[in-house]
C-alpha atoms as a PDB file:
ATOM      1  CA  MET A   1     -58.030 -74.833  14.243  1.00  0.00           C
ATOM      2  CA  THR A   2     -60.982 -73.418  16.144  1.00  0.00           C
ATOM      3  CA  GLU A   3     -61.309 -70.089  17.958  1.00  0.00           C
ATOM      4  CA  ASP A   4     -60.617 -71.963  21.213  1.00  0.00           C
ATOM      5  CA  ASP A   5     -57.440 -73.396  19.678  1.00  0.00           C
ATOM      6  CA  ILE A   6     -56.391 -69.884  18.639  1.00  0.00           C
ATOM      7  CA  SER A   7     -56.835 -68.729  22.255  1.00  0.00           C
ATOM      8  CA  VAL A   8     -54.702 -71.609  23.557  1.00  0.00           C
ATOM      9  CA  LEU A   9     -51.997 -71.009  20.989  1.00  0.00           C
ATOM     10  CA  ASN A  10     -51.996 -67.255  21.727  1.00  0.00           C
ATOM     11  CA  GLY A  11     -51.422 -68.128  25.401  1.00  0.00           C
ATOM     12  CA  TYR A  12     -48.216 -69.997  24.594  1.00  0.00           C
ATOM     13  CA  PHE A  13     -46.939 -67.249  22.275  1.00  0.00           C
ATOM     14  CA  SER A  14     -47.723 -64.614  24.915  1.00  0.00           C
ATOM     15  CA  TRP A  15     -45.907 -66.543  27.581  1.00  0.00           C
ATOM     16  CA  PHE A  16     -42.955 -66.985  25.255  1.00  0.00           C
ATOM     17  CA  GLU A  17     -42.843 -63.250  24.525  1.00  0.00           C
ATOM     18  CA  ASP A  18     -42.863 -62.481  28.250  1.00  0.00           C
ATOM     19  CA  ALA A  19     -40.033 -64.960  28.837  1.00  0.00           C
ATOM     20  CA  LEU A  20     -37.952 -63.293  26.085  1.00  0.00           C
ATOM     21  CA  ARG A  21     -38.674 -59.859  27.517  1.00  0.00           C
ATOM     22  CA  ASN A  22     -37.246 -61.043  30.860  1.00  0.00           C
ATOM     23  CA  VAL A  23     -33.906 -61.933  29.252  1.00  0.00           C
ATOM     24  CA  ASP A  24     -33.599 -58.996  26.868  1.00  0.00           C
ATOM     25  CA  PHE A  25     -34.263 -60.964  23.655  1.00  0.00           C
ATOM     26  CA  GLU A  26     -37.500 -59.123  22.862  1.00  0.00           C
ATOM     27  CA  ASP A  27     -35.921 -57.297  19.906  1.00  0.00           C
ATOM     28  CA  GLU A  28     -34.997 -60.649  18.289  1.00  0.00           C
ATOM     29  CA  TYR A  29     -38.580 -61.880  18.219  1.00  0.00           C
ATOM     30  CA  THR A  30     -41.040 -60.633  15.614  1.00  0.00           C
ATOM     31  CA  PHE A  31     -44.343 -62.482  15.571  1.00  0.00           C
ATOM     32  CA  ASP A  32     -47.702 -60.739  15.371  1.00  0.00           C
ATOM     33  CA  LYS A  33     -50.210 -63.240  16.779  1.00  0.00           C
ATOM     34  CA  SER A  34     -53.266 -61.238  15.741  1.00  0.00           C
ATOM     35  CA  ALA A  35     -52.163 -61.073  12.112  1.00  0.00           C
ATOM     36  CA  GLN A  36     -50.842 -64.606  11.704  1.00  0.00           C
ATOM     37  CA  ILE A  37     -52.874 -67.159  13.666  1.00  0.00           C
ATOM     38  CA  ASN A  38     -55.988 -68.098  11.686  1.00  0.00           C
ATOM     39  CA  ALA A  39     -58.657 -70.756  11.685  1.00  0.00           C
ATOM     40  CA  GLY A  40     -57.149 -72.732   8.749  1.00  0.00           C
ATOM     41  CA  ASP A  41     -53.711 -73.108  10.295  1.00  0.00           C
ATOM     42  CA  TYR A  42     -52.156 -76.138  12.030  1.00  0.00           C
ATOM     43  CA  TYR A  43     -50.378 -76.577  15.329  1.00  0.00           C
ATOM     44  CA  TYR A  44     -48.946 -79.148  17.692  1.00  0.00           C
ATOM     45  CA  ILE A  45     -48.181 -78.522  21.387  1.00  0.00           C
ATOM     46  CA  TYR A  46     -46.116 -80.825  23.547  1.00  0.00           C
ATOM     47  CA  THR A  47     -45.992 -80.086  27.311  1.00  0.00           C
ATOM     48  CA  LYS A  48     -43.817 -82.093  29.657  1.00  0.00           C
ATOM     49  CA  TYR A  49     -45.765 -81.273  32.839  1.00  0.00           C
ATOM     50  CA  SER A  50     -49.582 -81.215  32.777  1.00  0.00           C
ATOM     51  CA  ASP A  51     -49.801 -79.350  36.095  1.00  0.00           C
ATOM     52  CA  ASN A  52     -47.690 -76.433  34.719  1.00  0.00           C
ATOM     53  CA  PRO A  53     -47.796 -76.581  30.904  1.00  0.00           C
ATOM     54  CA  TYR A  54     -45.841 -73.330  30.468  1.00  0.00           C
ATOM     55  CA  SER A  55     -42.759 -74.587  32.336  1.00  0.00           C
ATOM     56  CA  ASN A  56     -41.573 -76.920  29.603  1.00  0.00           C
ATOM     57  CA  PHE A  57     -43.123 -76.935  26.150  1.00  0.00           C
ATOM     58  CA  ASP A  58     -42.624 -77.184  22.409  1.00  0.00           C
ATOM     59  CA  VAL A  59     -45.047 -75.487  20.033  1.00  0.00           C
ATOM     60  CA  TYR A  60     -45.054 -76.119  16.309  1.00  0.00           C
ATOM     61  CA  TYR A  61     -47.300 -73.767  14.375  1.00  0.00           C
ATOM     62  CA  VAL A  62     -47.851 -73.740  10.606  1.00  0.00           C
ATOM     63  CA  ASP A  63     -49.133 -70.553   9.038  1.00  0.00           C
ATOM     64  CA  THR A  64     -50.904 -71.804   5.924  1.00  0.00           C
ATOM     65  CA  ASP A  65     -51.065 -68.344   4.333  1.00  0.00           C
ATOM     66  CA  SER A  66     -47.287 -68.027   4.182  1.00  0.00           C
ATOM     67  CA  ASN A  67     -46.385 -71.763   4.346  1.00  0.00           C
ATOM     68  CA  THR A  68     -44.178 -71.003   7.347  1.00  0.00           C
ATOM     69  CA  LEU A  69     -43.408 -73.290  10.277  1.00  0.00           C
ATOM     70  CA  TYR A  70     -42.821 -71.551  13.599  1.00  0.00           C
ATOM     71  CA  PHE A  71     -41.254 -73.369  16.532  1.00  0.00           C
ATOM     72  CA  ILE A  72     -41.006 -72.075  20.100  1.00  0.00           C
ATOM     73  CA  HIS A  73     -39.523 -73.925  23.046  1.00  0.00           C
ATOM     74  CA  ILE A  74     -39.270 -73.206  26.760  1.00  0.00           C
ATOM     75  CA  ASN A  75     -37.395 -75.393  29.231  1.00  0.00           C
ATOM     76  CA  ILE A  76     -37.340 -73.676  32.628  1.00  0.00           C
END
């Protein structure tokens, strides 16, 4: 993962946080992007619509420091 990849991944996690905030699930979500997304990690992003990638997506992110798989999904 490069610095550009980190920026892209942060964009999806930020959008996801905003979506949760809009439906009052913000307290259920605890993910610190700045502390967890690092250059040695892995990710996969699937977007259904290329013209609006945030409208329908799956993000799989593996934090190699903690050996944790994170999955976020939006289908609006």
